[in-house]
Amino acid sequence: MIDIPEELTATQIKYGGEAGRAFLAALPERAADFLDRWELRQTGRPMHGWCALVLPVERADGMPAALKLQAVDEESEGEPLALRTWDGDGAVRLLEYEQQTGTLLLERLDSSRHLSGVADSREAVRILAELLARLTSVPAPHGLRRLGDIAARMLDGVPRALTALADEDERRLLTDCAAAVREVADEPGDRLLHWDLHYDNVLAAHPGSAREPWLAIDPKPLVGDPGFDLLPALGNRFDPAEVLWRFDLMTEVLGLDRERARAWTLGRVLQNSLWDVKDGETRLQERQVSIGRKLLAWKPGRHPS
């Protein structure tokens, strides 16, 4: 039997409804099945994120690994394809995968050391940017969600969102973000994007391994322009004074056209805002508003110090 963390139970019920309850009910048997099927021995207490349970395990040959049990949805179904495409280059290595349940066996990393624990925020941004540059340099394989389709759906949803927002300045911000996306929507890009590379999704390698110091985990992959991957690094460990510095550094490290990158980053502000409105909010998140306004006021020619 496994202990299902209360926090995972709460998020699955809140966001997954009946599907979340079914996933939770199936977890103990599913865990036991894969421990037996892949000849694994559980070596520690379960860990979890918003939507997955992760068991530290050891393979029959003594290799440490991590068994990831998750529900299959449009975000998680592309994870194994992305991980296989990167093949451990800057990302956690995929060892086994079962398609029907979305269960993954991953190499073990050091779950106690996240990039968010690096005290110097600017050094953390540099590390993340260098990882992201490598990940997004890879052409996306077939079979993943496409940014062009996502952008089209976002733009279709803007008129309804505008009627729900209570603040005129926020309505104007949303309109300006949508206008920026329209300027680049006909060239959505063809790179393999992580989509959720924030500082807690970068872990240190397992102690004693010969792997590189930091590796990305938990992609929600799609095909698109690398500029659409920048926002998590601007919004997490949020510091208003660093937003433009981080944006300039990341676009420099990734070698991006800054005007296009700004437009796609505003697209992420738009996406997050549309999700909030869909959830019943009538005001936008302060952090999203701050980032959006700074990027809309940004002028080319800045360089990281």
Protein backbone atom coordinates (compact mmCIF):
# COMPACT_ATOMS: atom_id res chain seq x y z
CA MET A 1 0.00 0.00 0.00
CA ILE A 2 1.13 3.57 -0.64
CA ASP A 3 0.30 6.75 1.22
CA ILE A 4 -1.34 9.28 -1.08
CA PRO A 5 -0.34 12.79 0.08
CA GLU A 6 -3.27 14.93 1.20
CA GLU A 7 -2.17 17.79 -1.06
CA LEU A 8 -2.35 15.58 -4.15
CA THR A 9 -5.77 14.34 -3.10
CA ALA A 10 -6.99 17.92 -2.67
CA THR A 11 -5.75 19.14 -6.06
CA GLN A 12 -7.07 16.09 -7.92
CA ILE A 13 -10.53 16.52 -6.41
CA LYS A 14 -10.55 20.30 -6.91
CA TYR A 15 -9.37 20.34 -10.51
CA GLY A 16 -10.10 16.82 -11.73
CA GLY A 17 -13.56 16.22 -10.30
CA GLU A 18 -14.78 12.68 -10.92
CA ALA A 19 -11.79 11.90 -13.14
CA GLY A 20 -9.49 13.00 -10.31
CA ARG A 21 -11.32 10.78 -7.82
CA ALA A 22 -11.03 7.83 -10.20
CA PHE A 23 -7.31 8.45 -10.61
CA LEU A 24 -6.80 8.54 -6.83
CA ALA A 25 -8.82 5.36 -6.33
CA ALA A 26 -6.71 3.52 -8.91
CA LEU A 27 -3.34 4.71 -7.59
CA PRO A 28 -2.58 1.99 -4.98
CA GLU A 29 -3.26 -0.88 -7.38
CA ARG A 30 -1.50 0.88 -10.24
CA ALA A 31 1.59 1.49 -8.13
CA ALA A 32 1.71 -2.14 -7.01
CA ASP A 33 1.29 -3.32 -10.60
CA PHE A 34 4.19 -1.27 -11.95
CA LEU A 35 6.47 -2.03 -9.02
CA ASP A 36 5.97 -5.70 -9.86
CA ARG A 37 5.95 -5.36 -13.66
CA TRP A 38 9.17 -3.37 -13.86
CA GLU A 39 10.84 -5.22 -10.95
CA LEU A 40 11.15 -2.16 -8.75
CA ARG A 41 11.66 -1.77 -5.03
CA GLN A 42 10.28 1.33 -3.35
CA THR A 43 13.04 3.03 -1.37
CA GLY A 44 11.40 6.11 0.13
CA ARG A 45 8.23 8.01 0.84
CA PRO A 46 6.02 9.16 -2.06
CA MET A 47 6.57 12.61 -3.54
CA HIS A 48 4.06 14.60 -5.54
CA GLY A 49 3.37 17.65 -7.64
CA TRP A 50 0.02 19.08 -8.71
CA CYS A 51 -1.03 16.07 -10.72
CA ALA A 52 1.38 13.17 -10.24
CA LEU A 53 2.63 10.80 -7.57
CA VAL A 54 6.33 9.93 -7.71
CA LEU A 55 7.84 6.95 -5.90
CA PRO A 56 11.59 6.72 -5.33
CA VAL A 57 12.53 3.22 -6.42
CA GLU A 58 15.47 0.97 -7.21
CA ARG A 59 15.65 -1.28 -10.28
CA ALA A 60 16.64 -4.92 -10.12
CA ASP A 61 20.18 -3.99 -11.14
CA GLY A 62 20.42 -1.51 -8.23
CA MET A 63 19.97 1.61 -10.35
CA PRO A 64 18.00 4.36 -8.54
CA ALA A 65 14.96 5.59 -10.45
CA ALA A 66 11.63 7.38 -10.00
CA LEU A 67 8.22 5.90 -10.80
CA LYS A 68 5.84 8.65 -11.94
CA LEU A 69 2.12 7.87 -11.80
CA GLN A 70 -0.16 10.44 -13.41
CA ALA A 71 -3.45 10.92 -15.18
CA VAL A 72 -3.30 11.12 -18.96
CA ASP A 73 -4.46 14.45 -20.39
CA GLU A 74 -3.48 16.79 -23.21
CA GLU A 75 -0.57 18.14 -21.18
CA SER A 76 0.90 14.88 -19.91
CA GLU A 77 0.41 12.70 -22.99
CA GLY A 78 3.30 14.32 -24.87
CA GLU A 79 5.80 14.03 -22.00
CA PRO A 80 7.37 10.68 -22.99
CA LEU A 81 7.78 11.74 -26.62
CA ALA A 82 9.56 14.95 -25.55
CA LEU A 83 11.81 13.13 -23.09
CA ARG A 84 12.75 10.53 -25.69
CA THR A 85 13.51 13.28 -28.19
CA TRP A 86 15.82 15.09 -25.76
CA ASP A 87 17.30 11.73 -24.69
CA GLY A 88 18.77 13.08 -21.46
CA ASP A 89 20.40 16.13 -23.05
CA GLY A 90 19.43 18.80 -20.53
CA ALA A 91 16.41 16.83 -19.30
CA VAL A 92 15.69 13.85 -17.08
CA ARG A 93 16.14 10.55 -18.93
CA LEU A 94 13.11 8.33 -19.63
CA LEU A 95 13.76 4.66 -18.81
CA GLU A 96 10.34 3.03 -19.32
CA TYR A 97 6.87 4.14 -20.41
CA GLU A 98 3.40 2.64 -20.50
CA GLN A 99 1.06 4.49 -22.86
CA GLN A 100 -2.37 3.49 -21.57
CA THR A 101 -1.88 4.86 -18.05
CA GLY A 102 0.85 7.43 -18.82
CA THR A 103 3.14 5.81 -16.25
CA LEU A 104 6.82 6.75 -16.52
CA LEU A 105 10.00 5.33 -15.08
CA LEU A 106 12.60 8.10 -14.93
CA GLU A 107 16.18 8.37 -13.87
CA ARG A 108 16.46 9.48 -10.24
CA LEU A 109 17.47 13.08 -9.64
CA ASP A 110 18.10 14.88 -6.35
CA SER A 111 14.58 15.90 -5.30
CA SER A 112 15.98 17.92 -2.38
CA ARG A 113 17.82 20.35 -4.68
CA HIS A 114 15.72 22.57 -6.93
CA LEU A 115 17.03 25.50 -8.94
CA SER A 116 14.75 27.66 -6.79
CA GLY A 117 17.17 26.94 -3.94
CA VAL A 118 20.02 28.80 -5.66
CA ALA A 119 20.23 31.96 -3.59
CA ASP A 120 21.45 34.23 -6.40
CA SER A 121 18.34 34.74 -8.54
CA ARG A 122 20.37 36.01 -11.49
CA GLU A 123 22.57 32.91 -11.47
CA ALA A 124 19.41 30.78 -11.35
CA VAL A 125 18.05 32.62 -14.40
CA ARG A 126 21.30 32.03 -16.29
CA ILE A 127 21.21 28.30 -15.55
CA LEU A 128 17.59 28.03 -16.62
CA ALA A 129 18.19 30.05 -19.78
CA GLU A 130 21.12 27.85 -20.81
CA LEU A 131 19.01 24.72 -20.29
CA LEU A 132 16.10 26.22 -22.20
CA ALA A 133 18.37 27.18 -25.10
CA ARG A 134 19.40 23.54 -25.48
CA LEU A 135 15.90 22.12 -25.11
CA THR A 136 14.30 24.50 -27.61
CA SER A 137 17.08 24.07 -30.18
CA VAL A 138 15.57 20.69 -31.06
CA PRO A 139 12.98 20.39 -33.86
CA ALA A 140 9.72 19.07 -32.43
CA PRO A 141 8.65 15.55 -33.35
CA HIS A 142 5.26 14.88 -34.89
CA GLY A 143 2.33 14.17 -32.63
CA LEU A 144 2.46 17.07 -30.16
CA ARG A 145 0.12 20.00 -29.55
CA ARG A 146 0.90 23.00 -31.74
CA LEU A 147 1.26 26.61 -30.62
CA GLY A 148 -0.53 27.83 -33.74
CA ASP A 149 -3.70 26.02 -32.69
CA ILE A 150 -3.39 27.27 -29.11
CA ALA A 151 -2.89 30.86 -30.28
CA ALA A 152 -5.97 30.68 -32.49
CA ARG A 153 -8.11 29.45 -29.59
CA MET A 154 -6.74 32.17 -27.32
CA LEU A 155 -7.60 34.91 -29.79
CA ASP A 156 -11.09 33.48 -30.23
CA GLY A 157 -11.59 33.67 -26.45
CA VAL A 158 -10.56 37.29 -26.00
CA PRO A 159 -13.93 39.01 -26.70
CA ARG A 160 -15.73 36.96 -24.06
CA ALA A 161 -12.94 37.55 -21.53
CA LEU A 162 -13.08 41.30 -22.07
CA THR A 163 -16.72 41.39 -21.05
CA ALA A 164 -15.89 39.59 -17.79
CA LEU A 165 -13.08 41.89 -16.62
CA ALA A 166 -14.06 44.65 -14.22
CA ASP A 167 -11.10 47.00 -14.75
CA GLU A 168 -10.74 49.09 -17.90
CA ASP A 169 -6.92 49.14 -17.73
CA GLU A 170 -6.86 45.37 -17.50
CA ARG A 171 -9.18 45.08 -20.48
CA ARG A 172 -6.77 47.32 -22.39
CA LEU A 173 -3.83 45.13 -21.31
CA LEU A 174 -5.60 42.01 -22.54
CA THR A 175 -6.40 43.73 -25.85
CA ASP A 176 -2.75 44.78 -26.28
CA CYS A 177 -1.52 41.23 -25.52
CA ALA A 178 -3.93 39.85 -28.12
CA ALA A 179 -2.72 42.40 -30.68
CA ALA A 180 0.89 41.31 -30.08
CA VAL A 181 -0.05 37.66 -30.62
CA ARG A 182 -1.86 38.48 -33.86
CA GLU A 183 1.36 39.98 -35.23
CA VAL A 184 3.24 36.66 -34.90
CA ALA A 185 0.45 34.08 -35.06
CA ASP A 186 1.14 33.22 -38.70
CA GLU A 187 4.66 32.01 -37.75
CA PRO A 188 4.12 29.89 -34.62
CA GLY A 189 7.47 28.05 -34.85
CA ASP A 190 8.55 24.42 -34.99
CA ARG A 191 10.80 23.90 -31.92
CA LEU A 192 10.19 21.45 -29.09
CA LEU A 193 9.00 23.57 -26.16
CA HIS A 194 8.98 22.56 -22.50
CA TRP A 195 6.16 25.06 -21.74
CA ASP A 196 6.61 24.93 -17.94
CA LEU A 197 10.31 25.41 -17.22
CA HIS A 198 10.29 27.24 -13.91
CA TYR A 199 12.87 26.92 -11.15
CA ASP A 200 11.16 24.04 -9.33
CA ASN A 201 11.14 22.06 -12.57
CA VAL A 202 14.94 22.02 -12.67
CA LEU A 203 16.56 19.49 -10.33
CA ALA A 204 20.15 18.64 -9.51
CA ALA A 205 21.49 15.33 -10.77
CA HIS A 206 21.45 12.37 -8.41
CA PRO A 207 24.46 12.43 -6.05
CA GLY A 208 27.28 10.31 -7.40
CA SER A 209 25.99 10.23 -10.96
CA ALA A 210 28.09 11.35 -13.89
CA ARG A 211 25.29 13.55 -15.19
CA GLU A 212 25.40 17.31 -15.66
CA PRO A 213 24.60 19.46 -12.58
CA TRP A 214 21.03 20.52 -13.49
CA LEU A 215 18.29 18.78 -15.48
CA ALA A 216 14.76 19.77 -16.54
CA ILE A 217 11.76 17.70 -15.47
CA ASP A 218 8.00 17.61 -16.05
CA PRO A 219 7.61 19.05 -19.57
CA LYS A 220 4.17 19.90 -20.93
CA PRO A 221 5.47 19.87 -24.50
CA LEU A 222 4.22 21.55 -27.61
CA VAL A 223 5.51 22.65 -30.99
CA GLY A 224 6.23 26.34 -31.28
CA ASP A 225 8.38 29.43 -30.96
CA PRO A 226 10.89 29.45 -28.05
CA GLY A 227 9.62 32.90 -27.06
CA PHE A 228 6.52 31.16 -25.71
CA ASP A 229 8.75 29.41 -23.14
CA LEU A 230 10.14 32.48 -21.36
CA LEU A 231 7.33 33.55 -19.01
CA PRO A 232 7.77 30.99 -16.20
CA ALA A 233 11.27 32.32 -15.56
CA LEU A 234 9.89 35.87 -15.34
CA GLY A 235 6.98 35.07 -13.05
CA ASN A 236 8.51 32.56 -10.64
CA ARG A 237 10.76 33.98 -7.91
CA PHE A 238 9.06 37.17 -9.02
CA ASP A 239 10.97 40.42 -8.71
CA PRO A 240 9.50 43.38 -10.65
CA ALA A 241 12.93 44.98 -10.84
CA GLU A 242 14.34 41.92 -12.65
CA VAL A 243 11.63 41.31 -15.25
CA LEU A 244 13.28 43.17 -18.13
CA TRP A 245 16.78 42.06 -17.10
CA ARG A 246 15.64 38.43 -17.16
CA PHE A 247 13.87 38.92 -20.48
CA ASP A 248 16.97 40.45 -22.05
CA LEU A 249 19.27 37.77 -20.66
CA MET A 250 17.06 34.91 -21.80
CA THR A 251 16.56 36.26 -25.30
CA GLU A 252 20.32 36.77 -25.57
CA VAL A 253 21.19 33.26 -24.37
CA LEU A 254 18.53 31.67 -26.61
CA GLY A 255 19.50 33.87 -29.57
CA LEU A 256 15.92 35.09 -30.10
CA ASP A 257 14.53 38.02 -32.01
CA ARG A 258 13.42 40.14 -29.07
CA GLU A 259 10.36 41.67 -30.70
CA ARG A 260 9.00 38.22 -31.56
CA ALA A 261 9.95 36.88 -28.14
CA ARG A 262 8.14 39.77 -26.48
CA ALA A 263 5.01 39.08 -28.54
CA TRP A 264 4.98 35.39 -27.60
CA THR A 265 5.69 36.15 -23.95
CA LEU A 266 2.73 38.51 -23.97
CA GLY A 267 0.88 35.54 -25.43
CA ARG A 268 1.62 33.62 -22.24
CA VAL A 269 0.30 36.54 -20.19
CA LEU A 270 -2.81 36.36 -22.35
CA GLN A 271 -3.11 32.60 -21.86
CA ASN A 272 -2.79 32.80 -18.07
CA SER A 273 -5.28 35.65 -17.93
CA LEU A 274 -7.83 33.81 -20.07
CA TRP A 275 -7.55 30.79 -17.75
CA ASP A 276 -8.21 33.01 -14.73
CA VAL A 277 -11.27 34.55 -16.36
CA LYS A 278 -12.53 31.07 -17.27
CA ASP A 279 -12.21 30.15 -13.59
CA GLY A 280 -14.52 33.01 -12.69
CA GLU A 281 -12.03 35.78 -11.87
CA THR A 282 -12.99 39.35 -12.77
CA ARG A 283 -9.54 40.83 -12.04
CA LEU A 284 -6.20 39.74 -13.45
CA GLN A 285 -3.32 38.53 -11.28
CA GLU A 286 -1.09 41.38 -10.17
CA ARG A 287 2.02 39.54 -11.30
CA GLN A 288 0.68 38.97 -14.81
CA VAL A 289 -0.38 42.60 -15.08
CA SER A 290 3.05 43.78 -13.94
CA ILE A 291 4.92 41.59 -16.42
CA GLY A 292 2.56 42.48 -19.24
CA ARG A 293 2.89 46.21 -18.68
CA LYS A 294 6.67 46.07 -18.43
CA LEU A 295 6.96 44.12 -21.67
CA LEU A 296 4.53 46.40 -23.48
CA ALA A 297 6.66 49.38 -22.42
CA TRP A 298 9.94 47.61 -23.30
CA LYS A 299 12.17 49.17 -25.93
CA PRO A 300 14.85 47.32 -27.94
CA GLY A 301 18.49 48.00 -27.24
CA ARG A 302 18.68 46.84 -23.61
CA HIS A 303 21.41 44.37 -22.70
CA PRO A 304 22.03 42.27 -19.55
CA SER A 305 24.59 43.73 -17.16
